[in-house]
Structures are given as C-alpha cells and as structure tokens.
Amino acid sequence: MAENADTGRTGRTGWTGWTGGKNAFGDFAPGLVHYTDRVLFDEVWEREDLSKRDRSLVTIAALTALGKMDQLQFHLGFARQNGVTDEELQEALLHLAFYAGWPNGMGATGVLKRIVDERD
C-alpha cells in the first residue's frame, strides 16, 4: 500500500489515541512524548505490513539482544495483549538466549516470570 505523503502512514486515518509517553513523562519531555505516542505507536505500530503480534516478537528480540530489561517489561506485557502466548514468549526467550547471549535470555525470562506471576 502506498504511503500518504502528508503523514507517512500507510492507509490509516486518525490516531490510535496512544498516551503511554504522555502517561510516563507528562509535560517533562514533550518531544519524547510526541515521538513515542504519535510516531512510534500511532504510525509505526499501526503499519499494515506486519501484524502487531509480529511487531511484538521483533521488538522483544531486539530488546532482549540489547539487554534493555526496563523496556522489555512493558513489551512482554504488550505482546500478551497482542496475542502472543506465555508459552510462545518462553520459547522465543529460550531461542534468543543462544543468539543474544545467555545472560540476556536469563534476564528476559526473569522479567517474563514476574509478569506472569503478577498478572495470573
């Protein structure tokens, strides 16, 4: 699908109403809030060429590989909302441990365990 020249969004109209950046930072970092809410979540996450489920798995792989456990906590929970099962997340993290490093895989699995324990 061709991109809209005005916005760069593919075949979308309107905004999702995402406010995670605003909720996290309020008026403290308006630029970061804008790019998080309007660009990343309203535009990039809404592109049609990958499902949100697939975007979640790609994001989890990147964050695990980089050892970004703070951001990973949100994205593991978000992946569950996007239809990725706990078993699939466990398997993805096991697989990533071999490619992203054992400590990163262990750390990510610990984050997932805390999420599952808290929400179940």
C-alpha atoms as a PDB file:
ATOM      1  CA  MET A   1       0.000   0.000   0.000  1.00  0.00           C
ATOM      2  CA  ALA A   2       1.325   3.451  -0.868  1.00  0.00           C
ATOM      3  CA  GLU A   3       2.211   5.832   1.906  1.00  0.00           C
ATOM      4  CA  ASN A   4       0.244   9.006   2.460  1.00  0.00           C
ATOM      5  CA  ALA A   5       2.577  11.858   1.515  1.00  0.00           C
ATOM      6  CA  ASP A   6       1.277  14.077   4.325  1.00  0.00           C
ATOM      7  CA  THR A   7       1.814  11.702   7.202  1.00  0.00           C
ATOM      8  CA  GLY A   8       3.865   8.730   6.079  1.00  0.00           C
ATOM      9  CA  ARG A   9       1.127   6.472   7.413  1.00  0.00           C
ATOM     10  CA  THR A  10       0.051   3.546   5.258  1.00  0.00           C
ATOM     11  CA  GLY A  11      -3.654   3.548   4.592  1.00  0.00           C
ATOM     12  CA  ARG A  12      -4.607   4.929   8.022  1.00  0.00           C
ATOM     13  CA  THR A  13      -6.848   7.725   9.055  1.00  0.00           C
ATOM     14  CA  GLY A  14      -6.910   9.236  12.514  1.00  0.00           C
ATOM     15  CA  TRP A  15      -4.843   8.388  15.559  1.00  0.00           C
ATOM     16  CA  THR A  16      -4.990   5.448  17.915  1.00  0.00           C
ATOM     17  CA  GLY A  17      -5.081   7.651  20.975  1.00  0.00           C
ATOM     18  CA  TRP A  18      -1.947   6.061  22.436  1.00  0.00           C
ATOM     19  CA  THR A  19      -0.811   8.002  25.525  1.00  0.00           C
ATOM     20  CA  GLY A  20       1.939   5.837  27.010  1.00  0.00           C
ATOM     21  CA  GLY A  21       4.586   8.529  26.519  1.00  0.00           C
ATOM     22  CA  LYS A  22       2.327  11.208  27.987  1.00  0.00           C
ATOM     23  CA  ASN A  23       1.489   8.939  30.924  1.00  0.00           C
ATOM     24  CA  ALA A  24       5.183   8.276  31.586  1.00  0.00           C
ATOM     25  CA  PHE A  25       6.559  11.792  31.165  1.00  0.00           C
ATOM     26  CA  GLY A  26       3.662  14.252  31.235  1.00  0.00           C
ATOM     27  CA  ASP A  27       4.987  17.659  30.158  1.00  0.00           C
ATOM     28  CA  PHE A  28       8.575  16.882  31.198  1.00  0.00           C
ATOM     29  CA  ALA A  29       9.812  15.692  27.785  1.00  0.00           C
ATOM     30  CA  PRO A  30       7.327  16.861  25.134  1.00  0.00           C
ATOM     31  CA  GLY A  31       9.485  15.804  22.184  1.00  0.00           C
ATOM     32  CA  LEU A  32       9.924  12.275  23.508  1.00  0.00           C
ATOM     33  CA  VAL A  33       6.198  12.100  24.281  1.00  0.00           C
ATOM     34  CA  HIS A  34       5.328  13.202  20.742  1.00  0.00           C
ATOM     35  CA  TYR A  35       7.630  10.714  19.030  1.00  0.00           C
ATOM     36  CA  THR A  36       6.568   7.876  21.337  1.00  0.00           C
ATOM     37  CA  ASP A  37       2.819   8.445  21.130  1.00  0.00           C
ATOM     38  CA  ARG A  38       2.276   9.937  17.687  1.00  0.00           C
ATOM     39  CA  VAL A  39       5.106   8.471  15.614  1.00  0.00           C
ATOM     40  CA  LEU A  40       6.094   5.149  17.190  1.00  0.00           C
ATOM     41  CA  PHE A  41       2.712   3.901  18.398  1.00  0.00           C
ATOM     42  CA  ASP A  42       0.293   5.833  16.172  1.00  0.00           C
ATOM     43  CA  GLU A  43       2.266   5.378  12.965  1.00  0.00           C
ATOM     44  CA  VAL A  44       4.917   2.657  13.096  1.00  0.00           C
ATOM     45  CA  TRP A  45       2.968   0.140  15.205  1.00  0.00           C
ATOM     46  CA  GLU A  46      -0.125   0.680  13.017  1.00  0.00           C
ATOM     47  CA  ARG A  47       1.549  -0.044   9.683  1.00  0.00           C
ATOM     48  CA  GLU A  48      -0.179  -2.896   7.884  1.00  0.00           C
ATOM     49  CA  ASP A  49       2.812  -4.861   6.594  1.00  0.00           C
ATOM     50  CA  LEU A  50       3.424  -6.622   9.934  1.00  0.00           C
ATOM     51  CA  SER A  51       0.829  -7.659  12.481  1.00  0.00           C
ATOM     52  CA  LYS A  52       1.070  -6.229  15.996  1.00  0.00           C
ATOM     53  CA  ARG A  53       1.812  -9.773  17.159  1.00  0.00           C
ATOM     54  CA  ASP A  54       4.807  -9.974  14.824  1.00  0.00           C
ATOM     55  CA  ARG A  55       5.940  -6.461  15.767  1.00  0.00           C
ATOM     56  CA  SER A  56       5.835  -7.533  19.407  1.00  0.00           C
ATOM     57  CA  LEU A  57       8.051 -10.555  18.743  1.00  0.00           C
ATOM     58  CA  VAL A  58      10.551  -8.469  16.749  1.00  0.00           C
ATOM     59  CA  THR A  59      10.626  -5.827  19.484  1.00  0.00           C
ATOM     60  CA  ILE A  60      11.153  -8.444  22.194  1.00  0.00           C
ATOM     61  CA  ALA A  61      14.025  -9.937  20.215  1.00  0.00           C
ATOM     62  CA  ALA A  62      15.710  -6.550  19.833  1.00  0.00           C
ATOM     63  CA  LEU A  63      15.240  -5.525  23.464  1.00  0.00           C
ATOM     64  CA  THR A  64      16.458  -8.904  24.720  1.00  0.00           C
ATOM     65  CA  ALA A  65      19.526  -8.789  22.482  1.00  0.00           C
ATOM     66  CA  LEU A  66      20.324  -5.287  23.726  1.00  0.00           C
ATOM     67  CA  GLY A  67      19.683  -6.185  27.381  1.00  0.00           C
ATOM     68  CA  LYS A  68      17.019  -3.463  27.758  1.00  0.00           C
ATOM     69  CA  MET A  69      15.041  -5.091  30.570  1.00  0.00           C
ATOM     70  CA  ASP A  70      13.148  -1.931  31.626  1.00  0.00           C
ATOM     71  CA  GLN A  71      11.582  -1.550  28.181  1.00  0.00           C
ATOM     72  CA  LEU A  72      11.237  -5.315  27.844  1.00  0.00           C
ATOM     73  CA  GLN A  73       8.905  -5.431  30.836  1.00  0.00           C
ATOM     74  CA  PHE A  74       6.366  -3.260  29.012  1.00  0.00           C
ATOM     75  CA  HIS A  75       6.774  -5.054  25.692  1.00  0.00           C
ATOM     76  CA  LEU A  76       6.370  -8.554  27.121  1.00  0.00           C
ATOM     77  CA  GLY A  77       3.058  -7.484  28.619  1.00  0.00           C
ATOM     78  CA  PHE A  78       2.114  -5.721  25.382  1.00  0.00           C
ATOM     79  CA  ALA A  79       2.946  -8.894  23.428  1.00  0.00           C
ATOM     80  CA  ARG A  80       0.485 -10.808  25.590  1.00  0.00           C
ATOM     81  CA  GLN A  81      -2.162  -8.202  24.687  1.00  0.00           C
ATOM     82  CA  ASN A  82      -1.209  -8.650  21.027  1.00  0.00           C
ATOM     83  CA  GLY A  83      -1.919 -12.389  21.128  1.00  0.00           C
ATOM     84  CA  VAL A  84       1.471 -13.916  21.937  1.00  0.00           C
ATOM     85  CA  THR A  85       1.032 -16.693  24.496  1.00  0.00           C
ATOM     86  CA  ASP A  86       3.210 -17.133  27.566  1.00  0.00           C
ATOM     87  CA  GLU A  87       4.463 -20.416  26.120  1.00  0.00           C
ATOM     88  CA  GLU A  88       5.462 -18.690  22.872  1.00  0.00           C
ATOM     89  CA  LEU A  89       7.242 -15.965  24.823  1.00  0.00           C
ATOM     90  CA  GLN A  90       9.112 -18.561  26.883  1.00  0.00           C
ATOM     91  CA  GLU A  91      10.167 -20.374  23.710  1.00  0.00           C
ATOM     92  CA  ALA A  92      11.209 -17.132  21.999  1.00  0.00           C
ATOM     93  CA  LEU A  93      13.343 -16.172  25.001  1.00  0.00           C
ATOM     94  CA  LEU A  94      14.969 -19.612  25.093  1.00  0.00           C
ATOM     95  CA  HIS A  95      15.803 -19.290  21.411  1.00  0.00           C
ATOM     96  CA  LEU A  96      17.114 -15.761  21.931  1.00  0.00           C
ATOM     97  CA  ALA A  97      19.378 -16.895  24.755  1.00  0.00           C
ATOM     98  CA  PHE A  98      21.506 -18.720  22.182  1.00  0.00           C
ATOM     99  CA  TYR A  99      21.666 -15.787  19.778  1.00  0.00           C
ATOM    100  CA  ALA A 100      21.553 -12.783  22.124  1.00  0.00           C
ATOM    101  CA  GLY A 101      23.609 -14.202  24.985  1.00  0.00           C
ATOM    102  CA  TRP A 102      22.684 -16.397  27.906  1.00  0.00           C
ATOM    103  CA  PRO A 103      22.608 -13.562  30.488  1.00  0.00           C
ATOM    104  CA  ASN A 104      20.195 -11.571  28.288  1.00  0.00           C
ATOM    105  CA  GLY A 105      17.967 -14.616  27.834  1.00  0.00           C
ATOM    106  CA  MET A 106      18.007 -15.346  31.564  1.00  0.00           C
ATOM    107  CA  GLY A 107      17.258 -11.706  32.394  1.00  0.00           C
ATOM    108  CA  ALA A 108      14.387 -11.566  29.918  1.00  0.00           C
ATOM    109  CA  THR A 109      12.942 -14.835  31.216  1.00  0.00           C
ATOM    110  CA  GLY A 110      13.070 -13.435  34.745  1.00  0.00           C
ATOM    111  CA  VAL A 111      11.127 -10.369  33.582  1.00  0.00           C
ATOM    112  CA  LEU A 112       8.515 -12.585  31.916  1.00  0.00           C
ATOM    113  CA  LYS A 113       8.208 -14.754  35.026  1.00  0.00           C
ATOM    114  CA  ARG A 114       7.490 -11.686  37.167  1.00  0.00           C
ATOM    115  CA  ILE A 115       4.840 -10.508  34.692  1.00  0.00           C
ATOM    116  CA  VAL A 116       3.143 -13.899  34.603  1.00  0.00           C
ATOM    117  CA  ASP A 117       3.293 -14.260  38.405  1.00  0.00           C
ATOM    118  CA  GLU A 118       1.853 -10.741  38.934  1.00  0.00           C
ATOM    119  CA  ARG A 119      -0.962 -10.983  36.397  1.00  0.00           C
ATOM    120  CA  ASP A 120      -2.056 -14.581  36.990  1.00  0.00           C
END
